[in-house]
PDB file of N, CA and C in Angstrom:
ATOM      1  N   MET A   1     107.855 -81.630 -12.253  1.00  0.00           N
ATOM      2  CA  MET A   1     107.868 -81.889 -10.835  1.00  0.00           C
ATOM      3  C   MET A   1     107.019 -83.119 -10.587  1.00  0.00           C
ATOM      4  N   ASP A   2     107.612 -84.236 -10.301  1.00  0.00           N
ATOM      5  CA  ASP A   2     106.908 -85.493 -10.159  1.00  0.00           C
ATOM      6  C   ASP A   2     106.115 -85.599  -8.870  1.00  0.00           C
ATOM      7  N   ASP A   3     106.529 -84.888  -7.825  1.00  0.00           N
ATOM      8  CA  ASP A   3     105.873 -85.046  -6.538  1.00  0.00           C
ATOM      9  C   ASP A   3     104.743 -84.055  -6.308  1.00  0.00           C
ATOM     10  N   LYS A   4     104.338 -83.318  -7.332  1.00  0.00           N
ATOM     11  CA  LYS A   4     103.334 -82.285  -7.137  1.00  0.00           C
ATOM     12  C   LYS A   4     101.989 -82.843  -6.685  1.00  0.00           C
ATOM     13  N   SER A   5     101.650 -84.065  -7.066  1.00  0.00           N
ATOM     14  CA  SER A   5     100.366 -84.632  -6.686  1.00  0.00           C
ATOM     15  C   SER A   5     100.341 -85.065  -5.220  1.00  0.00           C
ATOM     16  N   THR A   6     101.488 -85.258  -4.604  1.00  0.00           N
ATOM     17  CA  THR A   6     101.533 -85.696  -3.217  1.00  0.00           C
ATOM     18  C   THR A   6     101.842 -84.563  -2.252  1.00  0.00           C
ATOM     19  N   LEU A   7     102.276 -83.437  -2.754  1.00  0.00           N
ATOM     20  CA  LEU A   7     102.583 -82.299  -1.892  1.00  0.00           C
ATOM     21  C   LEU A   7     101.350 -81.428  -1.706  1.00  0.00           C
ATOM     22  N   PRO A   8     101.187 -80.840  -0.517  1.00  0.00           N
ATOM     23  CA  PRO A   8     100.111 -79.862  -0.347  1.00  0.00           C
ATOM     24  C   PRO A   8     100.354 -78.668  -1.278  1.00  0.00           C
ATOM     25  N   ALA A   9      99.276 -78.004  -1.659  1.00  0.00           N
ATOM     26  CA  ALA A   9      99.370 -76.890  -2.607  1.00  0.00           C
ATOM     27  C   ALA A   9     100.355 -75.818  -2.136  1.00  0.00           C
ATOM     28  N   ASP A  10     100.404 -75.533  -0.834  1.00  0.00           N
ATOM     29  CA  ASP A  10     101.332 -74.502  -0.346  1.00  0.00           C
ATOM     30  C   ASP A  10     102.786 -74.904  -0.566  1.00  0.00           C
ATOM     31  N   ALA A  11     103.091 -76.173  -0.399  1.00  0.00           N
ATOM     32  CA  ALA A  11     104.458 -76.643  -0.639  1.00  0.00           C
ATOM     33  C   ALA A  11     104.798 -76.550  -2.122  1.00  0.00           C
ATOM     34  N   VAL A  12     103.833 -76.858  -2.970  1.00  0.00           N
ATOM     35  CA  VAL A  12     104.043 -76.739  -4.417  1.00  0.00           C
ATOM     36  C   VAL A  12     104.298 -75.280  -4.768  1.00  0.00           C
ATOM     37  N   ARG A  13     103.512 -74.373  -4.201  1.00  0.00           N
ATOM     38  CA  ARG A  13     103.705 -72.936  -4.458  1.00  0.00           C
ATOM     39  C   ARG A  13     105.110 -72.491  -4.061  1.00  0.00           C
ATOM     40  N   ARG A  14     105.566 -72.922  -2.888  1.00  0.00           N
ATOM     41  CA  ARG A  14     106.914 -72.538  -2.433  1.00  0.00           C
ATOM     42  C   ARG A  14     107.984 -73.056  -3.386  1.00  0.00           C
ATOM     43  N   LYS A  15     107.831 -74.291  -3.836  1.00  0.00           N
ATOM     44  CA  LYS A  15     108.800 -74.869  -4.781  1.00  0.00           C
ATOM     45  C   LYS A  15     108.809 -74.103  -6.095  1.00  0.00           C
ATOM     46  N   LEU A  16     107.619 -73.803  -6.600  1.00  0.00           N
ATOM     47  CA  LEU A  16     107.524 -73.086  -7.869  1.00  0.00           C
ATOM     48  C   LEU A  16     108.064 -71.669  -7.742  1.00  0.00           C
ATOM     49  N   LEU A  17     107.813 -71.029  -6.610  1.00  0.00           N
ATOM     50  CA  LEU A  17     108.344 -69.684  -6.390  1.00  0.00           C
ATOM     51  C   LEU A  17     109.870 -69.725  -6.376  1.00  0.00           C
ATOM     52  N   PHE A  18     110.436 -70.684  -5.690  1.00  0.00           N
ATOM     53  CA  PHE A  18     111.890 -70.828  -5.659  1.00  0.00           C
ATOM     54  C   PHE A  18     112.436 -71.055  -7.067  1.00  0.00           C
ATOM     55  N   ARG A  19     111.820 -71.968  -7.806  1.00  0.00           N
ATOM     56  CA  ARG A  19     112.283 -72.267  -9.169  1.00  0.00           C
ATOM     57  C   ARG A  19     112.137 -71.059 -10.087  1.00  0.00           C
ATOM     58  N   SER A  20     111.146 -70.225  -9.826  1.00  0.00           N
ATOM     59  CA  SER A  20     110.944 -69.031 -10.647  1.00  0.00           C
ATOM     60  C   SER A  20     112.036 -67.996 -10.412  1.00  0.00           C
ATOM     61  N   TRP A  21     112.491 -67.875  -9.177  1.00  0.00           N
ATOM     62  CA  TRP A  21     113.520 -66.889  -8.835  1.00  0.00           C
ATOM     63  C   TRP A  21     114.938 -67.412  -9.041  1.00  0.00           C
ATOM     64  N   HIS A  22     115.105 -68.672  -9.354  1.00  0.00           N
ATOM     65  CA  HIS A  22     116.444 -69.263  -9.504  1.00  0.00           C
ATOM     66  C   HIS A  22     116.557 -69.990 -10.835  1.00  0.00           C
ATOM     67  N   ARG A  23     116.485 -69.236 -11.913  1.00  0.00           N
ATOM     68  CA  ARG A  23     116.481 -69.800 -13.259  1.00  0.00           C
ATOM     69  C   ARG A  23     117.881 -69.953 -13.837  1.00  0.00           C
ATOM     70  N   GLY A  24     118.786 -69.111 -13.447  1.00  0.00           N
ATOM     71  CA  GLY A  24     120.136 -69.185 -14.003  1.00  0.00           C
ATOM     72  C   GLY A  24     120.581 -67.897 -14.655  1.00  0.00           C
ATOM     73  N   THR A  25     119.617 -67.087 -15.086  1.00  0.00           N
ATOM     74  CA  THR A  25     119.953 -65.756 -15.593  1.00  0.00           C
ATOM     75  C   THR A  25     119.104 -64.740 -14.844  1.00  0.00           C
ATOM     76  N   ARG A  26     119.671 -63.586 -14.630  1.00  0.00           N
ATOM     77  CA  ARG A  26     118.950 -62.553 -13.884  1.00  0.00           C
ATOM     78  C   ARG A  26     117.668 -62.139 -14.606  1.00  0.00           C
ATOM     79  N   GLU A  27     117.716 -62.085 -15.933  1.00  0.00           N
ATOM     80  CA  GLU A  27     116.538 -61.683 -16.703  1.00  0.00           C
ATOM     81  C   GLU A  27     115.373 -62.636 -16.451  1.00  0.00           C
ATOM     82  N   MET A  28     115.645 -63.928 -16.528  1.00  0.00           N
ATOM     83  CA  MET A  28     114.575 -64.906 -16.324  1.00  0.00           C
ATOM     84  C   MET A  28     114.135 -64.952 -14.866  1.00  0.00           C
ATOM     85  N   ASP A  29     115.082 -64.752 -13.943  1.00  0.00           N
ATOM     86  CA  ASP A  29     114.708 -64.671 -12.527  1.00  0.00           C
ATOM     87  C   ASP A  29     113.668 -63.573 -12.331  1.00  0.00           C
ATOM     88  N   LEU A  30     113.922 -62.417 -12.913  1.00  0.00           N
ATOM     89  CA  LEU A  30     113.005 -61.287 -12.758  1.00  0.00           C
ATOM     90  C   LEU A  30     111.682 -61.523 -13.476  1.00  0.00           C
ATOM     91  N   LEU A  31     111.747 -62.019 -14.699  1.00  0.00           N
ATOM     92  CA  LEU A  31     110.520 -62.241 -15.465  1.00  0.00           C
ATOM     93  C   LEU A  31     109.603 -63.251 -14.777  1.00  0.00           C
ATOM     94  N   LEU A  32     110.154 -64.365 -14.378  1.00  0.00           N
ATOM     95  CA  LEU A  32     109.324 -65.413 -13.784  1.00  0.00           C
ATOM     96  C   LEU A  32     109.089 -65.202 -12.293  1.00  0.00           C
ATOM     97  N   GLY A  33     110.084 -64.672 -11.589  1.00  0.00           N
ATOM     98  CA  GLY A  33     109.930 -64.449 -10.154  1.00  0.00           C
ATOM     99  C   GLY A  33     108.850 -63.437  -9.829  1.00  0.00           C
ATOM    100  N   ARG A  34     108.825 -62.344 -10.539  1.00  0.00           N
ATOM    101  CA  ARG A  34     107.795 -61.325 -10.298  1.00  0.00           C
ATOM    102  C   ARG A  34     106.406 -61.858 -10.617  1.00  0.00           C
ATOM    103  N   PHE A  35     106.305 -62.585 -11.721  1.00  0.00           N
ATOM    104  CA  PHE A  35     105.024 -63.186 -12.086  1.00  0.00           C
ATOM    105  C   PHE A  35     104.571 -64.161 -10.996  1.00  0.00           C
ATOM    106  N   ALA A  36     105.483 -65.013 -10.566  1.00  0.00           N
ATOM    107  CA  ALA A  36     105.142 -66.020  -9.560  1.00  0.00           C
ATOM    108  C   ALA A  36     104.682 -65.369  -8.261  1.00  0.00           C
ATOM    109  N   GLU A  37     105.372 -64.331  -7.822  1.00  0.00           N
ATOM    110  CA  GLU A  37     104.964 -63.644  -6.598  1.00  0.00           C
ATOM    111  C   GLU A  37     103.564 -63.064  -6.721  1.00  0.00           C
ATOM    112  N   ALA A  38     103.243 -62.551  -7.897  1.00  0.00           N
ATOM    113  CA  ALA A  38     101.938 -61.922  -8.110  1.00  0.00           C
ATOM    114  C   ALA A  38     100.807 -62.937  -8.281  1.00  0.00           C
ATOM    115  N   HIS A  39     101.084 -64.082  -8.885  1.00  0.00           N
ATOM    116  CA  HIS A  39     100.000 -64.987  -9.280  1.00  0.00           C
ATOM    117  C   HIS A  39      99.924 -66.324  -8.553  1.00  0.00           C
ATOM    118  N   LEU A  40     101.025 -66.864  -8.103  1.00  0.00           N
ATOM    119  CA  LEU A  40     100.976 -68.196  -7.484  1.00  0.00           C
ATOM    120  C   LEU A  40     100.026 -68.290  -6.292  1.00  0.00           C
ATOM    121  N   PRO A  41      99.922 -67.265  -5.453  1.00  0.00           N
ATOM    122  CA  PRO A  41      99.009 -67.396  -4.306  1.00  0.00           C
ATOM    123  C   PRO A  41      97.559 -67.683  -4.697  1.00  0.00           C
ATOM    124  N   ASP A  42      97.149 -67.239  -5.865  1.00  0.00           N
ATOM    125  CA  ASP A  42      95.760 -67.419  -6.298  1.00  0.00           C
ATOM    126  C   ASP A  42      95.562 -68.569  -7.277  1.00  0.00           C
ATOM    127  N   PHE A  43      96.623 -69.237  -7.674  1.00  0.00           N
ATOM    128  CA  PHE A  43      96.504 -70.324  -8.648  1.00  0.00           C
ATOM    129  C   PHE A  43      95.809 -71.545  -8.036  1.00  0.00           C
ATOM    130  N   THR A  44      94.986 -72.188  -8.856  1.00  0.00           N
ATOM    131  CA  THR A  44      94.391 -73.468  -8.482  1.00  0.00           C
ATOM    132  C   THR A  44      95.457 -74.555  -8.623  1.00  0.00           C
ATOM    133  N   GLU A  45      95.142 -75.739  -8.158  1.00  0.00           N
ATOM    134  CA  GLU A  45      96.097 -76.838  -8.309  1.00  0.00           C
ATOM    135  C   GLU A  45      96.356 -77.134  -9.782  1.00  0.00           C
ATOM    136  N   GLY A  46      95.333 -77.011 -10.609  1.00  0.00           N
ATOM    137  CA  GLY A  46      95.508 -77.222 -12.046  1.00  0.00           C
ATOM    138  C   GLY A  46      96.430 -76.192 -12.662  1.00  0.00           C
ATOM    139  N   GLN A  47      96.272 -74.938 -12.258  1.00  0.00           N
ATOM    140  CA  GLN A  47      97.140 -73.877 -12.769  1.00  0.00           C
ATOM    141  C   GLN A  47      98.567 -74.059 -12.269  1.00  0.00           C
ATOM    142  N   LEU A  48      98.717 -74.515 -11.041  1.00  0.00           N
ATOM    143  CA  LEU A  48     100.066 -74.789 -10.522  1.00  0.00           C
ATOM    144  C   LEU A  48     100.750 -75.865 -11.360  1.00  0.00           C
ATOM    145  N   ALA A  49      99.995 -76.882 -11.745  1.00  0.00           N
ATOM    146  CA  ALA A  49     100.562 -77.954 -12.578  1.00  0.00           C
ATOM    147  C   ALA A  49     100.965 -77.421 -13.946  1.00  0.00           C
ATOM    148  N   LEU A  50     100.139 -76.552 -14.534  1.00  0.00           N
ATOM    149  CA  LEU A  50     100.477 -75.957 -15.832  1.00  0.00           C
ATOM    150  C   LEU A  50     101.727 -75.092 -15.722  1.00  0.00           C
ATOM    151  N   TYR A  51     101.826 -74.315 -14.646  1.00  0.00           N
ATOM    152  CA  TYR A  51     103.000 -73.464 -14.451  1.00  0.00           C
ATOM    153  C   TYR A  51     104.258 -74.320 -14.256  1.00  0.00           C
ATOM    154  N   ALA A  52     104.130 -75.410 -13.507  1.00  0.00           N
ATOM    155  CA  ALA A  52     105.275 -76.312 -13.309  1.00  0.00           C
ATOM    156  C   ALA A  52     105.756 -76.861 -14.646  1.00  0.00           C
ATOM    157  N   GLU A  53     104.832 -77.172 -15.534  1.00  0.00           N
ATOM    158  CA  GLU A  53     105.211 -77.657 -16.865  1.00  0.00           C
ATOM    159  C   GLU A  53     105.937 -76.569 -17.656  1.00  0.00           C
ATOM    160  N   LEU A  54     105.459 -75.331 -17.556  1.00  0.00           N
ATOM    161  CA  LEU A  54     106.127 -74.229 -18.265  1.00  0.00           C
ATOM    162  C   LEU A  54     107.554 -74.033 -17.763  1.00  0.00           C
ATOM    163  N   LEU A  55     107.753 -74.208 -16.469  1.00  0.00           N
ATOM    164  CA  LEU A  55     109.091 -74.023 -15.907  1.00  0.00           C
ATOM    165  C   LEU A  55     110.076 -75.081 -16.398  1.00  0.00           C
ATOM    166  N   GLN A  56     109.585 -76.130 -16.994  1.00  0.00           N
ATOM    167  CA  GLN A  56     110.471 -77.161 -17.531  1.00  0.00           C
ATOM    168  C   GLN A  56     110.990 -76.803 -18.920  1.00  0.00           C
ATOM    169  N   GLU A  57     110.437 -75.768 -19.511  1.00  0.00           N
ATOM    170  CA  GLU A  57     110.899 -75.325 -20.829  1.00  0.00           C
ATOM    171  C   GLU A  57     112.255 -74.635 -20.690  1.00  0.00           C
ATOM    172  N   ASN A  58     112.999 -74.594 -21.770  1.00  0.00           N
ATOM    173  CA  ASN A  58     114.312 -73.942 -21.778  1.00  0.00           C
ATOM    174  C   ASN A  58     114.166 -72.433 -21.629  1.00  0.00           C
ATOM    175  N   ASP A  59     115.067 -71.838 -20.858  1.00  0.00           N
ATOM    176  CA  ASP A  59     115.023 -70.394 -20.643  1.00  0.00           C
ATOM    177  C   ASP A  59     115.100 -69.580 -21.929  1.00  0.00           C
ATOM    178  N   PRO A  60     115.963 -69.925 -22.882  1.00  0.00           N
ATOM    179  CA  PRO A  60     115.985 -69.127 -24.117  1.00  0.00           C
ATOM    180  C   PRO A  60     114.635 -69.139 -24.844  1.00  0.00           C
ATOM    181  N   ASP A  61     113.955 -70.273 -24.824  1.00  0.00           N
ATOM    182  CA  ASP A  61     112.633 -70.344 -25.447  1.00  0.00           C
ATOM    183  C   ASP A  61     111.629 -69.491 -24.682  1.00  0.00           C
ATOM    184  N   LEU A  62     111.608 -69.641 -23.367  1.00  0.00           N
ATOM    185  CA  LEU A  62     110.699 -68.839 -22.546  1.00  0.00           C
ATOM    186  C   LEU A  62     110.945 -67.349 -22.758  1.00  0.00           C
ATOM    187  N   TYR A  63     112.206 -66.967 -22.793  1.00  0.00           N
ATOM    188  CA  TYR A  63     112.536 -65.557 -22.995  1.00  0.00           C
ATOM    189  C   TYR A  63     112.013 -65.066 -24.345  1.00  0.00           C
ATOM    190  N   ASP A  64     112.210 -65.853 -25.384  1.00  0.00           N
ATOM    191  CA  ASP A  64     111.719 -65.463 -26.710  1.00  0.00           C
ATOM    192  C   ASP A  64     110.203 -65.321 -26.719  1.00  0.00           C
ATOM    193  N   TRP A  65     109.495 -66.212 -26.055  1.00  0.00           N
ATOM    194  CA  TRP A  65     108.037 -66.131 -26.020  1.00  0.00           C
ATOM    195  C   TRP A  65     107.583 -64.901 -25.244  1.00  0.00           C
ATOM    196  N   LEU A  66     108.219 -64.645 -24.100  1.00  0.00           N
ATOM    197  CA  LEU A  66     107.810 -63.516 -23.265  1.00  0.00           C
ATOM    198  C   LEU A  66     108.190 -62.177 -23.875  1.00  0.00           C
ATOM    199  N   SER A  67     109.256 -62.151 -24.648  1.00  0.00           N
ATOM    200  CA  SER A  67     109.684 -60.897 -25.276  1.00  0.00           C
ATOM    201  C   SER A  67     109.014 -60.679 -26.625  1.00  0.00           C
ATOM    202  N   GLY A  68     108.227 -61.653 -27.077  1.00  0.00           N
ATOM    203  CA  GLY A  68     107.519 -61.513 -28.340  1.00  0.00           C
ATOM    204  C   GLY A  68     108.344 -61.854 -29.566  1.00  0.00           C
ATOM    205  N   LYS A  69     109.526 -62.403 -29.372  1.00  0.00           N
ATOM    206  CA  LYS A  69     110.373 -62.777 -30.514  1.00  0.00           C
ATOM    207  C   LYS A  69     109.819 -63.979 -31.260  1.00  0.00           C
ATOM    208  N   SER A  70     109.101 -64.833 -30.547  1.00  0.00           N
ATOM    209  CA  SER A  70     108.470 -65.989 -31.185  1.00  0.00           C
ATOM    210  C   SER A  70     107.217 -66.361 -30.404  1.00  0.00           C
ATOM    211  N   GLU A  71     106.392 -67.172 -31.029  1.00  0.00           N
ATOM    212  CA  GLU A  71     105.144 -67.627 -30.414  1.00  0.00           C
ATOM    213  C   GLU A  71     105.394 -68.918 -29.635  1.00  0.00           C
ATOM    214  N   PRO A  72     104.722 -69.074 -28.506  1.00  0.00           N
ATOM    215  CA  PRO A  72     104.844 -70.344 -27.785  1.00  0.00           C
ATOM    216  C   PRO A  72     104.270 -71.487 -28.623  1.00  0.00           C
ATOM    217  N   PRO A  73     104.853 -72.663 -28.535  1.00  0.00           N
ATOM    218  CA  PRO A  73     104.305 -73.806 -29.277  1.00  0.00           C
ATOM    219  C   PRO A  73     102.954 -74.223 -28.694  1.00  0.00           C
ATOM    220  N   ALA A  74     102.226 -75.009 -29.436  1.00  0.00           N
ATOM    221  CA  ALA A  74     100.873 -75.411 -29.046  1.00  0.00           C
ATOM    222  C   ALA A  74     100.833 -76.066 -27.663  1.00  0.00           C
ATOM    223  N   HIS A  75     101.827 -76.882 -27.337  1.00  0.00           N
ATOM    224  CA  HIS A  75     101.789 -77.577 -26.045  1.00  0.00           C
ATOM    225  C   HIS A  75     101.982 -76.634 -24.856  1.00  0.00           C
ATOM    226  N   CYS A  76     102.400 -75.399 -25.114  1.00  0.00           N
ATOM    227  CA  CYS A  76     102.592 -74.423 -24.038  1.00  0.00           C
ATOM    228  C   CYS A  76     101.483 -73.371 -23.990  1.00  0.00           C
ATOM    229  N   ARG A  77     100.610 -73.393 -24.951  1.00  0.00           N
ATOM    230  CA  ARG A  77      99.522 -72.405 -24.972  1.00  0.00           C
ATOM    231  C   ARG A  77      98.411 -72.869 -24.040  1.00  0.00           C
ATOM    232  N   ASN A  78      98.320 -72.201 -22.921  1.00  0.00           N
ATOM    233  CA  ASN A  78      97.287 -72.510 -21.936  1.00  0.00           C
ATOM    234  C   ASN A  78      96.988 -71.249 -21.135  1.00  0.00           C
ATOM    235  N   GLU A  79      96.070 -71.351 -20.193  1.00  0.00           N
ATOM    236  CA  GLU A  79      95.651 -70.173 -19.440  1.00  0.00           C
ATOM    237  C   GLU A  79      96.798 -69.540 -18.644  1.00  0.00           C
ATOM    238  N   VAL A  80      97.715 -70.350 -18.162  1.00  0.00           N
ATOM    239  CA  VAL A  80      98.835 -69.811 -17.388  1.00  0.00           C
ATOM    240  C   VAL A  80      99.798 -69.056 -18.304  1.00  0.00           C
ATOM    241  N   MET A  81     100.072 -69.581 -19.475  1.00  0.00           N
ATOM    242  CA  MET A  81     100.928 -68.869 -20.430  1.00  0.00           C
ATOM    243  C   MET A  81     100.275 -67.551 -20.825  1.00  0.00           C
ATOM    244  N   GLU A  82      98.968 -67.549 -21.007  1.00  0.00           N
ATOM    245  CA  GLU A  82      98.263 -66.306 -21.341  1.00  0.00           C
ATOM    246  C   GLU A  82      98.426 -65.281 -20.225  1.00  0.00           C
ATOM    247  N   LYS A  83      98.286 -65.714 -18.977  1.00  0.00           N
ATOM    248  CA  LYS A  83      98.482 -64.805 -17.839  1.00  0.00           C
ATOM    249  C   LYS A  83      99.916 -64.275 -17.813  1.00  0.00           C
ATOM    250  N   LEU A  84     100.861 -65.145 -18.079  1.00  0.00           N
ATOM    251  CA  LEU A  84     102.274 -64.771 -18.087  1.00  0.00           C
ATOM    252  C   LEU A  84     102.553 -63.741 -19.175  1.00  0.00           C
ATOM    253  N   LEU A  85     102.029 -63.969 -20.354  1.00  0.00           N
ATOM    254  CA  LEU A  85     102.222 -63.023 -21.461  1.00  0.00           C
ATOM    255  C   LEU A  85     101.561 -61.680 -21.164  1.00  0.00           C
ATOM    256  N   LYS A  86     100.344 -61.706 -20.626  1.00  0.00           N
ATOM    257  CA  LYS A  86      99.645 -60.458 -20.285  1.00  0.00           C
ATOM    258  C   LYS A  86     100.374 -59.703 -19.181  1.00  0.00           C
ATOM    259  N   PHE A  87     100.875 -60.437 -18.196  1.00  0.00           N
ATOM    260  CA  PHE A  87     101.600 -59.823 -17.089  1.00  0.00           C
ATOM    261  C   PHE A  87     102.798 -59.035 -17.606  1.00  0.00           C
ATOM    262  N   HIS A  88     103.537 -59.612 -18.526  1.00  0.00           N
ATOM    263  CA  HIS A  88     104.736 -58.945 -19.021  1.00  0.00           C
ATOM    264  C   HIS A  88     104.434 -57.911 -20.090  1.00  0.00           C
ATOM    265  N   ALA A  89     103.312 -58.025 -20.737  1.00  0.00           N
ATOM    266  CA  ALA A  89     102.917 -56.998 -21.703  1.00  0.00           C
ATOM    267  C   ALA A  89     102.529 -55.715 -20.982  1.00  0.00           C
ATOM    268  N   SER A  90     102.054 -55.847 -19.740  1.00  0.00           N
ATOM    269  CA  SER A  90     101.616 -54.672 -18.987  1.00  0.00           C
ATOM    270  C   SER A  90     102.742 -54.026 -18.187  1.00  0.00           C
ATOM    271  N   CYS A  91     103.909 -54.642 -18.146  1.00  0.00           N
ATOM    272  CA  CYS A  91     105.044 -54.093 -17.371  1.00  0.00           C
ATOM    273  C   CYS A  91     105.785 -53.024 -18.139  1.00  0.00           C
TER     274      CYS A  91
END
């Protein structure tokens, strides 16, 4: 998301929430949409930027990481990915 630095944090949250619920598959909509609803309101601007970067990853890769089929690559290992993994491990 190139315009994240110029948008107010609330607008960024709304965009990320929309992108989380509209991934293309129902499974990913649910996995990311529920997480976004629970966590985006409390995310800092830095965490919002990290989450926006994660949303740019391919859905099959994200699904494999969240389902435990494979480990996220080093460039995706950050505090937001940890929250995402913990969120789905507790569901």
